[in-house]
Amino acid sequence: MTESDKSIFKPVNDPVKPQSQVISCIEIQGFNRLVEEGEISTIQVFYERVAQEIYNTRKKNYSWGFKVIEPEFLNLSDRIYLSSKLYFDEDMADLNSVVFKLFIEFNNIVLSTAMHMHIPVKGIIRIGNVYKGTVTSRKPALVSGKEPLILNDLLKVFSFGEIFPHGFSSGMIPAVDMPFHFGENLSQMLADLANIEAVGIFMPLEYRNETATEVTILSNMMTATEVNGKALFVCNWKEWMSSYLKCSPDNILAYAEDAGKDGQEPYSKYWQSLVDYSADL
């Protein structure tokens, strides 16, 4: 590649920098079937119940000021992504412990709500550097001083202020912010997820020595177990459900046992794996 070729790929923004995050990807099994069969209300109720449990949790988070460190959600088709920033560079061990504990609580909310509705989900958690932020287009440009031509139908739906961005009246088109979120850690997470055949949210054992995870593991919110022949940490849904959700872990396990033996259940192996590892919770 010549120097002129390289210049084409020279950023106009400051170079993007990595940041430490804990991220999870939760996959809803059978999601496409629900959509195809028109069970949209089931999906809606699932999201509503997750939101309600988060609201109930937020009541106590507000009193501690923890709202600012709650995980961010991104729901995209059959996958739910949660992410929280960690502050390793700032050497804030106590804050990182709280961030991770809250992150696991939110994952347990999603997992427990899904199991309560007999929806099989599987997820993976990873910790590491990712690139997240926005890049901005070049400086704002001048626009023509002519009166704008507006499609009449637009004015039936939007106000003038919504149609034209801030700065238009002074002849400026504002810059465009383009968000991004990528990294090797995210790619590895998806690869790990493909190898899991169990209901639950898991995390590699390699993170047991992270200072951020220590308190959560010691408090039994995550437990070491074996899933599909591999040693992993798993979110302790039984511990969370017993304390917060109006649902008995025994009832969930009874359903999972029946589903695990049902030859017509497409995710019988996933439910049976839940029964097997739950003995360690």
Protein backbone atom coordinates (compact mmCIF):
# COMPACT_ATOMS: atom_id res chain seq x y z
CA MET A 1 0.00 0.00 0.00
CA THR A 2 1.42 3.37 -1.03
CA GLU A 3 1.54 6.46 1.16
CA SER A 4 -1.27 8.02 -0.89
CA ASP A 5 -3.35 4.90 -0.34
CA LYS A 6 -2.72 5.07 3.41
CA SER A 7 -3.86 8.68 3.55
CA ILE A 8 -7.31 7.55 2.47
CA PHE A 9 -7.65 5.70 5.77
CA LYS A 10 -6.30 8.48 7.97
CA PRO A 11 -8.97 9.39 10.59
CA VAL A 12 -10.27 12.94 10.74
CA ASN A 13 -11.27 12.46 14.39
CA ASP A 14 -8.91 11.80 17.27
CA PRO A 15 -7.87 8.12 17.34
CA VAL A 16 -10.43 5.96 19.11
CA LYS A 17 -9.21 4.49 22.38
CA PRO A 18 -10.21 1.30 24.16
CA GLN A 19 -12.12 1.27 27.43
CA SER A 20 -12.66 -1.50 29.96
CA GLN A 21 -16.15 -2.99 29.98
CA VAL A 22 -18.09 -5.95 31.26
CA ILE A 23 -20.46 -7.13 28.55
CA SER A 24 -23.04 -9.87 28.19
CA CYS A 25 -24.91 -11.23 25.21
CA ILE A 26 -28.14 -13.06 26.01
CA GLU A 27 -29.80 -15.06 23.25
CA ILE A 28 -33.52 -15.85 23.36
CA GLN A 29 -33.99 -19.37 22.05
CA GLY A 30 -37.00 -19.89 19.78
CA PHE A 31 -37.38 -16.14 19.24
CA ASN A 32 -37.89 -16.44 15.49
CA ARG A 33 -40.61 -19.03 16.04
CA LEU A 34 -42.44 -16.63 18.38
CA VAL A 35 -42.30 -13.94 15.70
CA GLU A 36 -43.36 -16.27 12.88
CA GLU A 37 -46.30 -17.59 14.90
CA GLY A 38 -47.44 -14.09 15.81
CA GLU A 39 -46.75 -14.40 19.54
CA ILE A 40 -45.72 -10.76 19.71
CA SER A 41 -47.55 -10.28 23.00
CA THR A 42 -45.28 -12.89 24.63
CA ILE A 43 -42.20 -10.95 23.57
CA GLN A 44 -43.76 -7.68 24.71
CA VAL A 45 -44.72 -9.09 28.12
CA PHE A 46 -41.19 -10.43 28.56
CA TYR A 47 -39.68 -6.99 27.96
CA GLU A 48 -42.32 -5.37 30.18
CA ARG A 49 -41.59 -7.73 33.07
CA VAL A 50 -37.85 -7.20 32.74
CA ALA A 51 -38.47 -3.45 32.82
CA GLN A 52 -40.67 -3.77 35.92
CA GLU A 53 -38.08 -5.82 37.81
CA ILE A 54 -35.42 -3.26 36.88
CA TYR A 55 -37.71 -0.53 38.15
CA ASN A 56 -38.13 -2.39 41.44
CA THR A 57 -34.36 -2.72 41.69
CA ARG A 58 -33.86 0.93 40.80
CA LYS A 59 -35.81 2.01 43.88
CA LYS A 60 -32.87 1.10 46.06
CA ASN A 61 -30.28 2.11 43.47
CA TYR A 62 -31.51 5.69 43.53
CA SER A 63 -30.95 5.95 47.27
CA TRP A 64 -27.32 4.91 46.75
CA GLY A 65 -26.75 6.96 43.60
CA PHE A 66 -26.20 3.80 41.55
CA LYS A 67 -28.47 4.84 38.67
CA VAL A 68 -25.45 6.33 36.87
CA ILE A 69 -23.67 2.96 36.75
CA GLU A 70 -26.56 0.75 35.67
CA PRO A 71 -25.85 -1.41 32.60
CA GLU A 72 -26.86 -0.15 29.18
CA PHE A 73 -29.33 -2.31 27.24
CA LEU A 74 -29.42 -3.00 23.53
CA ASN A 75 -32.21 -5.31 22.36
CA LEU A 76 -31.64 -6.51 18.80
CA SER A 77 -33.93 -9.24 17.51
CA ASP A 78 -33.21 -12.44 19.47
CA ARG A 79 -30.26 -10.98 21.39
CA ILE A 80 -30.03 -8.71 24.41
CA TYR A 81 -26.72 -6.95 25.03
CA LEU A 82 -25.80 -5.44 28.39
CA SER A 83 -22.66 -3.39 28.95
CA SER A 84 -21.11 -1.48 31.85
CA LYS A 85 -17.93 0.57 31.97
CA LEU A 86 -15.23 -0.51 34.41
CA TYR A 87 -12.70 1.90 35.90
CA PHE A 88 -9.47 -0.09 35.97
CA ASP A 89 -7.33 2.82 34.74
CA GLU A 90 -8.57 5.00 37.58
CA ASP A 91 -7.80 2.29 40.18
CA MET A 92 -11.27 2.35 41.71
CA ALA A 93 -11.59 -1.17 43.09
CA ASP A 94 -14.67 -0.46 45.22
CA LEU A 95 -16.53 1.19 42.35
CA ASN A 96 -15.67 -1.66 39.97
CA SER A 97 -17.00 -4.18 42.49
CA VAL A 98 -20.31 -2.30 42.70
CA VAL A 99 -20.53 -1.94 38.91
CA PHE A 100 -20.00 -5.67 38.41
CA LYS A 101 -22.42 -6.68 41.19
CA LEU A 102 -25.13 -4.47 39.70
CA PHE A 103 -24.35 -5.84 36.24
CA ILE A 104 -24.86 -9.42 37.44
CA GLU A 105 -28.09 -8.43 39.18
CA PHE A 106 -29.46 -7.10 35.89
CA ASN A 107 -28.42 -10.30 34.11
CA ASN A 108 -30.21 -12.31 36.79
CA ILE A 109 -33.32 -10.19 36.23
CA VAL A 110 -33.34 -11.08 32.52
CA LEU A 111 -32.58 -14.75 33.16
CA SER A 112 -35.08 -15.23 36.00
CA THR A 113 -37.87 -13.39 34.16
CA ALA A 114 -37.32 -15.56 31.08
CA MET A 115 -37.37 -18.79 33.09
CA HIS A 116 -40.50 -17.66 34.93
CA MET A 117 -42.16 -17.41 31.50
CA HIS A 118 -40.61 -20.75 30.42
CA ILE A 119 -38.54 -18.99 27.77
CA PRO A 120 -35.11 -20.62 27.32
CA VAL A 121 -32.25 -18.11 27.17
CA LYS A 122 -28.49 -18.53 27.18
CA GLY A 123 -25.84 -15.89 27.66
CA ILE A 124 -22.13 -15.26 28.10
CA ILE A 125 -20.26 -12.56 30.02
CA ARG A 126 -16.83 -11.23 29.18
CA ILE A 127 -14.56 -8.53 30.65
CA GLY A 128 -11.98 -6.61 28.66
CA ASN A 129 -11.21 -3.72 26.37
CA VAL A 130 -13.63 -2.59 23.68
CA TYR A 131 -13.92 0.46 21.49
CA LYS A 132 -17.09 2.41 22.19
CA GLY A 133 -18.09 5.97 21.41
CA THR A 134 -18.90 8.17 18.44
CA VAL A 135 -17.00 9.69 15.54
CA THR A 136 -18.14 12.94 13.99
CA SER A 137 -18.38 14.04 10.38
CA ARG A 138 -16.38 17.01 9.16
CA LYS A 139 -17.27 20.53 10.30
CA PRO A 140 -20.82 21.77 9.65
CA ALA A 141 -21.59 23.00 6.14
CA LEU A 142 -23.49 26.02 4.91
CA VAL A 143 -26.83 25.44 3.26
CA SER A 144 -28.60 27.40 0.56
CA GLY A 145 -30.39 30.53 1.64
CA LYS A 146 -33.45 29.53 -0.40
CA GLU A 147 -36.72 28.76 1.31
CA PRO A 148 -36.97 25.00 2.00
CA LEU A 149 -39.38 22.86 0.03
CA ILE A 150 -41.37 20.74 2.47
CA LEU A 151 -43.45 17.70 1.60
CA ASN A 152 -46.93 18.42 2.99
CA ASP A 153 -47.21 14.96 4.50
CA LEU A 154 -44.14 15.66 6.64
CA LEU A 155 -45.95 18.53 8.36
CA LYS A 156 -48.81 16.18 9.21
CA VAL A 157 -46.43 14.05 11.27
CA PHE A 158 -43.62 16.37 12.38
CA SER A 159 -43.25 19.97 13.50
CA PHE A 160 -41.01 22.37 11.57
CA GLY A 161 -38.49 22.23 14.40
CA GLU A 162 -38.32 18.44 14.16
CA ILE A 163 -37.85 18.44 10.38
CA PHE A 164 -34.94 20.88 10.34
CA PRO A 165 -32.07 20.43 12.81
CA HIS A 166 -30.83 23.00 15.27
CA GLY A 167 -28.74 25.56 13.41
CA PHE A 168 -30.67 25.38 10.13
CA SER A 169 -32.12 28.86 10.61
CA SER A 170 -28.58 30.26 10.71
CA GLY A 171 -27.65 28.39 7.54
CA MET A 172 -25.70 25.55 9.14
CA ILE A 173 -26.14 21.79 8.90
CA PRO A 174 -24.86 20.22 12.14
CA ALA A 175 -22.25 17.46 12.11
CA VAL A 176 -23.33 13.82 12.17
CA ASP A 177 -22.35 11.59 15.08
CA MET A 178 -21.77 7.95 14.14
CA PRO A 179 -21.79 5.55 17.13
CA PHE A 180 -19.56 2.47 17.26
CA HIS A 181 -19.04 -0.46 19.61
CA PHE A 182 -16.59 -3.20 18.63
CA GLY A 183 -13.57 -5.17 19.79
CA GLU A 184 -11.98 -8.59 19.94
CA ASN A 185 -13.71 -9.21 23.25
CA LEU A 186 -17.12 -8.82 21.64
CA SER A 187 -16.22 -11.18 18.81
CA GLN A 188 -14.96 -13.79 21.29
CA MET A 189 -18.16 -13.49 23.29
CA LEU A 190 -20.26 -14.47 20.29
CA ALA A 191 -17.95 -17.40 19.56
CA ASP A 192 -18.27 -18.58 23.18
CA LEU A 193 -22.05 -18.26 23.05
CA ALA A 194 -22.31 -20.59 20.08
CA ASN A 195 -20.73 -23.41 22.13
CA ILE A 196 -23.20 -23.23 25.04
CA GLU A 197 -26.24 -25.49 25.13
CA ALA A 198 -27.85 -24.65 28.45
CA VAL A 199 -30.33 -22.24 29.95
CA GLY A 200 -28.33 -19.72 31.96
CA ILE A 201 -25.83 -16.88 31.78
CA PHE A 202 -22.20 -17.93 32.10
CA MET A 203 -18.72 -16.44 32.50
CA PRO A 204 -15.27 -17.97 31.88
CA LEU A 205 -13.37 -19.01 35.00
CA GLU A 206 -10.43 -16.85 33.90
CA TYR A 207 -12.14 -13.83 35.45
CA ARG A 208 -12.10 -15.24 38.97
CA ASN A 209 -8.94 -13.24 39.73
CA GLU A 210 -10.37 -9.91 38.60
CA THR A 211 -10.79 -7.54 41.54
CA ALA A 212 -14.15 -6.44 40.14
CA THR A 213 -15.64 -9.95 40.37
CA GLU A 214 -14.38 -10.96 43.81
CA VAL A 215 -17.22 -9.56 45.95
CA THR A 216 -19.93 -10.88 43.62
CA ILE A 217 -18.46 -14.38 43.60
CA LEU A 218 -17.97 -14.42 47.38
CA SER A 219 -21.58 -13.31 47.87
CA ASN A 220 -22.72 -16.33 45.81
CA MET A 221 -24.32 -14.25 43.04
CA MET A 222 -22.10 -16.26 40.68
CA THR A 223 -21.16 -19.89 41.23
CA ALA A 224 -18.58 -22.18 39.67
CA THR A 225 -20.08 -25.17 37.89
CA GLU A 226 -19.65 -27.40 34.85
CA VAL A 227 -21.75 -26.96 31.72
CA ASN A 228 -21.48 -29.19 28.65
CA GLY A 229 -18.20 -30.54 30.02
CA LYS A 230 -16.63 -27.11 30.58
CA ALA A 231 -15.95 -25.35 33.88
CA LEU A 232 -17.67 -21.96 34.03
CA PHE A 233 -19.17 -19.45 36.40
CA VAL A 234 -22.95 -19.16 36.19
CA CYS A 235 -25.31 -16.44 37.38
CA ASN A 236 -27.00 -17.77 40.51
CA TRP A 237 -30.60 -17.31 39.44
CA LYS A 238 -31.85 -19.35 42.40
CA GLU A 239 -30.32 -16.90 44.88
CA TRP A 240 -31.79 -13.88 43.09
CA MET A 241 -35.20 -15.42 42.41
CA SER A 242 -35.65 -16.51 46.02
CA SER A 243 -35.13 -12.94 47.20
CA TYR A 244 -36.89 -10.84 44.57
CA LEU A 245 -39.14 -12.62 42.06
CA LYS A 246 -42.50 -14.02 43.12
CA CYS A 247 -41.64 -17.40 41.71
CA SER A 248 -40.31 -20.57 43.32
CA PRO A 249 -36.97 -21.97 42.08
CA ASP A 250 -38.41 -25.42 42.78
CA ASN A 251 -41.23 -24.77 40.30
CA ILE A 252 -38.70 -23.69 37.67
CA LEU A 253 -36.64 -26.82 38.20
CA ALA A 254 -39.76 -29.01 38.06
CA TYR A 255 -40.64 -27.48 34.69
CA ALA A 256 -37.04 -27.87 33.49
CA GLU A 257 -37.01 -31.54 34.47
CA ASP A 258 -40.20 -32.20 32.49
CA ALA A 259 -38.95 -30.18 29.51
CA GLY A 260 -35.64 -32.02 29.62
CA LYS A 261 -37.43 -35.33 29.19
CA ASP A 262 -39.85 -34.09 26.53
CA GLY A 263 -38.83 -35.42 23.13
CA GLN A 264 -40.99 -32.78 21.44
CA GLU A 265 -39.28 -29.88 23.23
CA PRO A 266 -36.65 -28.41 20.83
CA TYR A 267 -34.54 -27.14 23.75
CA SER A 268 -34.82 -30.16 26.01
CA LYS A 269 -31.01 -30.42 26.25
CA TYR A 270 -30.82 -26.80 27.40
CA TRP A 271 -33.39 -27.35 30.16
CA GLN A 272 -31.72 -30.60 31.29
CA SER A 273 -28.37 -28.80 31.54
CA LEU A 274 -30.06 -26.23 33.79
CA VAL A 275 -31.24 -29.01 36.07
CA ASP A 276 -27.78 -30.59 36.14
CA TYR A 277 -25.77 -27.50 37.04
CA SER A 278 -28.38 -26.08 39.42
CA ALA A 279 -27.31 -28.70 41.95
CA ASP A 280 -24.22 -26.51 42.47
CA LEU A 281 -26.22 -23.33 43.18
